[in-house]
Protein backbone atom coordinates (compact mmCIF):
# COMPACT_ATOMS: atom_id res chain seq x y z
CA MET A 1 113.57 118.27 68.39
CA LYS A 2 112.32 121.63 69.65
CA SER A 3 108.87 122.36 71.04
CA ASP A 4 107.53 124.14 67.93
CA LYS A 5 108.41 121.13 65.77
CA ALA A 6 106.90 118.74 68.32
CA ASP A 7 103.68 120.76 68.23
CA LYS A 8 103.55 120.53 64.41
CA MET A 9 104.20 116.80 64.52
CA LEU A 10 101.46 116.24 67.09
CA ALA A 11 99.08 118.23 64.89
CA ALA A 12 100.06 116.02 61.94
CA LEU A 13 99.58 112.91 64.06
CA GLY A 14 96.14 114.14 65.12
CA THR A 15 95.20 114.57 61.45
CA VAL A 16 96.40 111.05 60.57
CA LEU A 17 94.51 109.53 63.51
CA GLU A 18 91.35 111.33 62.46
CA GLN A 19 91.66 110.40 58.78
CA GLU A 20 92.35 106.76 59.57
CA LYS A 21 89.80 106.55 62.38
CA ILE A 22 92.37 105.52 65.00
CA GLY A 23 91.42 106.35 68.56
CA PRO A 24 90.54 108.81 69.92
CA VAL A 25 93.75 108.82 71.97
CA ASP A 26 94.18 110.80 75.21
CA ILE A 27 97.75 110.71 76.51
CA LEU A 28 99.63 112.27 79.41
CA VAL A 29 103.10 113.56 78.50
CA CYS A 30 106.03 114.16 80.85
CA GLY A 31 109.73 114.83 80.37
CA ALA A 32 111.69 117.67 78.80
CA MET A 33 109.21 118.15 75.96
CA ALA A 34 106.32 118.65 78.39
CA LEU A 35 108.41 121.39 80.02
CA ALA A 36 109.43 122.92 76.68
CA MET A 37 105.87 122.97 75.29
CA GLN A 38 104.80 124.95 78.37
CA GLY A 39 107.73 127.34 78.13
CA LEU A 40 109.26 126.11 81.41
CA VAL A 41 112.53 124.85 79.89
CA GLU A 42 113.70 125.26 76.32
CA ARG A 43 116.15 122.60 75.36
CA PRO A 44 115.95 120.22 72.44
CA THR A 45 115.13 116.61 73.26
CA ARG A 46 115.03 113.53 71.09
CA ASP A 47 111.46 112.50 71.85
CA ILE A 48 108.12 113.12 73.51
CA ASP A 49 107.60 110.96 76.61
CA GLY A 50 104.14 109.43 76.81
CA LEU A 51 103.67 108.62 80.50
CA ALA A 52 100.11 107.30 80.55
CA ARG A 53 96.97 106.78 78.57
CA VAL A 54 94.11 108.75 80.13
CA VAL A 55 90.76 107.01 80.44
CA ARG A 56 87.65 108.89 81.51
CA ARG A 57 85.33 107.03 83.87
CA GLY A 58 82.34 109.21 84.59
CA ASP A 59 83.73 112.41 86.10
CA SER A 60 87.14 110.96 86.96
CA LEU A 61 90.29 110.36 84.94
CA THR A 62 92.24 107.13 85.32
CA LEU A 63 95.84 106.59 84.19
CA ARG A 64 96.85 103.41 82.38
CA LYS A 65 100.15 102.33 80.90
CA PRO A 66 100.31 103.77 77.39
CA LEU A 67 100.23 100.47 75.54
CA MET A 68 99.48 101.79 72.09
CA SER A 69 97.86 99.90 69.23
CA LYS A 70 99.82 98.78 66.18
CA ARG A 71 97.87 101.24 64.02
CA PHE A 72 98.75 104.13 66.36
CA THR A 73 102.42 103.11 66.38
CA GLU A 74 102.45 102.95 62.57
CA ALA A 75 100.90 106.43 62.39
CA VAL A 76 103.57 107.75 64.78
CA GLU A 77 106.30 106.20 62.63
CA ARG A 78 104.93 107.72 59.41
CA VAL A 79 104.75 111.20 60.94
CA GLY A 80 108.27 110.84 62.34
CA MET A 81 109.69 109.83 58.98
CA ALA A 82 107.84 112.67 57.20
CA TYR A 83 109.38 115.22 59.59
CA GLY A 84 112.86 113.71 59.61
CA GLU A 85 112.73 112.63 63.25
CA GLY A 86 112.68 108.87 62.70
CA LYS A 87 110.29 106.29 64.11
CA PHE A 88 110.94 106.84 67.80
CA TRP A 89 110.02 110.50 68.28
CA PHE A 90 107.06 109.52 70.47
CA SER A 91 108.21 107.21 73.27
CA THR A 92 106.36 105.24 75.90
CA ALA A 93 109.53 104.31 77.82
CA ALA A 94 108.38 106.49 80.74
CA THR A 95 106.02 103.65 81.64
CA ILE A 96 108.75 102.54 84.05
CA LEU A 97 107.37 105.23 86.36
CA HIS A 98 104.24 103.08 86.72
CA GLU A 99 106.42 100.30 88.10
CA ASP A 100 108.74 102.13 90.48
CA THR A 101 106.51 104.96 91.73
CA ARG A 102 102.98 105.78 92.72
CA LEU A 103 102.25 108.64 90.34
CA PRO A 104 101.14 111.87 92.04
CA LYS A 105 97.40 111.83 92.70
CA GLY A 106 95.46 114.18 90.40
CA LEU A 107 98.23 114.23 87.79
CA ALA A 108 95.87 114.14 84.79
CA GLU A 109 93.48 116.71 86.27
CA ARG A 110 96.24 119.29 86.79
CA ALA A 111 97.79 118.80 83.34
CA GLN A 112 97.58 121.41 80.58
CA VAL A 113 95.28 120.00 77.88
CA ARG A 114 95.89 120.40 74.15
CA HIS A 115 93.66 119.00 71.43
CA TYR A 116 95.05 118.07 68.04
CA GLY A 117 91.93 117.55 65.99
CA THR A 118 89.21 115.25 67.27
CA HIS A 119 91.32 112.13 67.80
CA LEU A 120 94.37 113.26 69.80
CA THR A 121 94.40 114.87 73.22
CA VAL A 122 97.77 115.56 74.82
CA ARG A 123 98.00 116.46 78.51
CA LEU A 124 101.25 118.13 79.58
CA CYS A 125 102.16 117.39 83.20
CA ALA A 126 101.84 120.52 85.35
CA ARG A 127 104.91 122.28 86.76
CA GLY A 128 104.59 120.88 90.30
CA ASP A 129 104.16 117.34 89.03
CA MET A 130 107.06 117.73 86.62
CA ILE A 131 109.27 118.90 89.50
CA CYS A 132 108.39 115.71 91.40
CA LEU A 133 109.11 113.51 88.37
CA LYS A 134 112.29 115.41 87.46
CA LEU A 135 113.60 115.18 91.03
CA TRP A 136 112.88 111.45 91.03
CA ALA A 137 114.70 111.08 87.69
CA ALA A 138 117.62 113.18 88.99
CA VAL A 139 117.93 110.87 92.01
CA ARG A 140 118.06 107.89 89.64
CA ARG A 141 120.28 109.24 86.83
CA GLY A 142 121.48 112.81 87.50
CA GLU A 143 121.71 114.83 84.30
CA PRO A 144 119.97 116.23 82.34
CA ASP A 145 117.27 116.29 85.03
CA ILE A 146 119.33 118.27 87.54
CA GLY A 147 119.95 120.91 84.86
CA ASP A 148 116.23 121.11 84.11
CA LEU A 149 115.43 121.65 87.79
CA VAL A 150 118.09 124.37 88.06
CA HIS A 151 116.80 126.07 84.90
CA MET A 152 113.24 126.02 86.26
CA GLY A 153 114.37 127.93 89.35
CA ILE A 154 112.30 125.79 91.68
CA SER A 155 111.19 127.39 94.92
CA ARG A 156 111.89 126.05 98.41
CA GLU A 157 108.27 124.92 98.71
CA GLU A 158 108.37 123.15 95.34
CA ALA A 159 111.65 121.43 96.27
CA GLU A 160 110.29 120.38 99.66
CA ASN A 161 107.08 118.97 98.18
CA ALA A 162 108.96 117.08 95.47
CA ALA A 163 111.51 115.71 97.94
CA ALA A 164 108.74 114.50 100.25
CA TRP A 165 107.01 112.76 97.31
CA CYS A 166 110.30 111.11 96.26
CA LEU A 167 110.95 109.92 99.82
CA ALA A 168 107.46 108.38 99.90
CA GLN A 169 108.44 106.36 96.82
CA ASP A 170 111.63 105.03 98.37
CA ARG A 171 112.45 105.51 102.08
CA GLU A 172 116.06 104.50 101.39
CA ALA A 173 116.58 107.33 98.86
CA GLY A 174 117.00 110.09 101.48
CA PRO A 175 120.76 110.62 100.99
CA ASP A 176 120.38 110.74 97.20
CA ILE A 177 117.46 113.18 97.49
CA ALA A 178 119.57 115.35 99.79
CA ALA A 179 122.44 115.33 97.27
CA VAL A 180 120.12 116.47 94.46
CA LEU A 181 118.60 119.18 96.66
CA LYS A 182 122.09 120.59 97.18
CA GLU A 183 122.76 120.49 93.42
CA VAL A 184 119.58 122.44 92.63
CA GLY A 185 120.22 125.17 95.20
CA HIS A 186 118.23 123.90 98.19
CA GLY A 187 120.98 122.59 100.44
CA GLU A 188 119.15 124.03 103.46
CA LEU A 189 116.54 121.28 102.99
CA ALA A 190 119.07 118.51 102.51
CA GLU A 191 119.52 117.73 106.22
CA ARG A 192 115.86 116.86 106.53
CA PHE A 193 116.16 114.14 103.88
CA SER A 194 119.65 112.72 104.51
């Protein structure tokens, strides 16, 4: 799925949610599609990764695991089938990040916000946050996350910030972080993390 199709499908989902009075739903999206929809990386991906449900409490935004209702899931499935992308085009598998990391503070506030009607708000993780999450994923699984980081042309400062965040998640990951830094063109930083 490419970003223009994802945008159309989210618009269709917003319409369905509004018509069926489901929600409103406010969701934070990460992964390759968040990058593609912001023009940071353009590669097809099989799904949109819902990282967290965003809940407003007064002036602050709180992130919760995106445990979606049955009605929302059914709406997602119908839209996916109508567009030929199947039932699993909108995934909440990224919830594992809630279990093995402390998500970057201010993630929801920095995200690019898109409204699809009155019942669907999608927040696309900002570049700096995506670099942190992509570096963490690259440490865990390698490709395609290393390729995304290379394609983004991350700066030394961005690489350093992301590496420091990853090390804070797992103090034992230093050698793996160093290896990824070398792969993405920042070998000069690797010694600090190995």
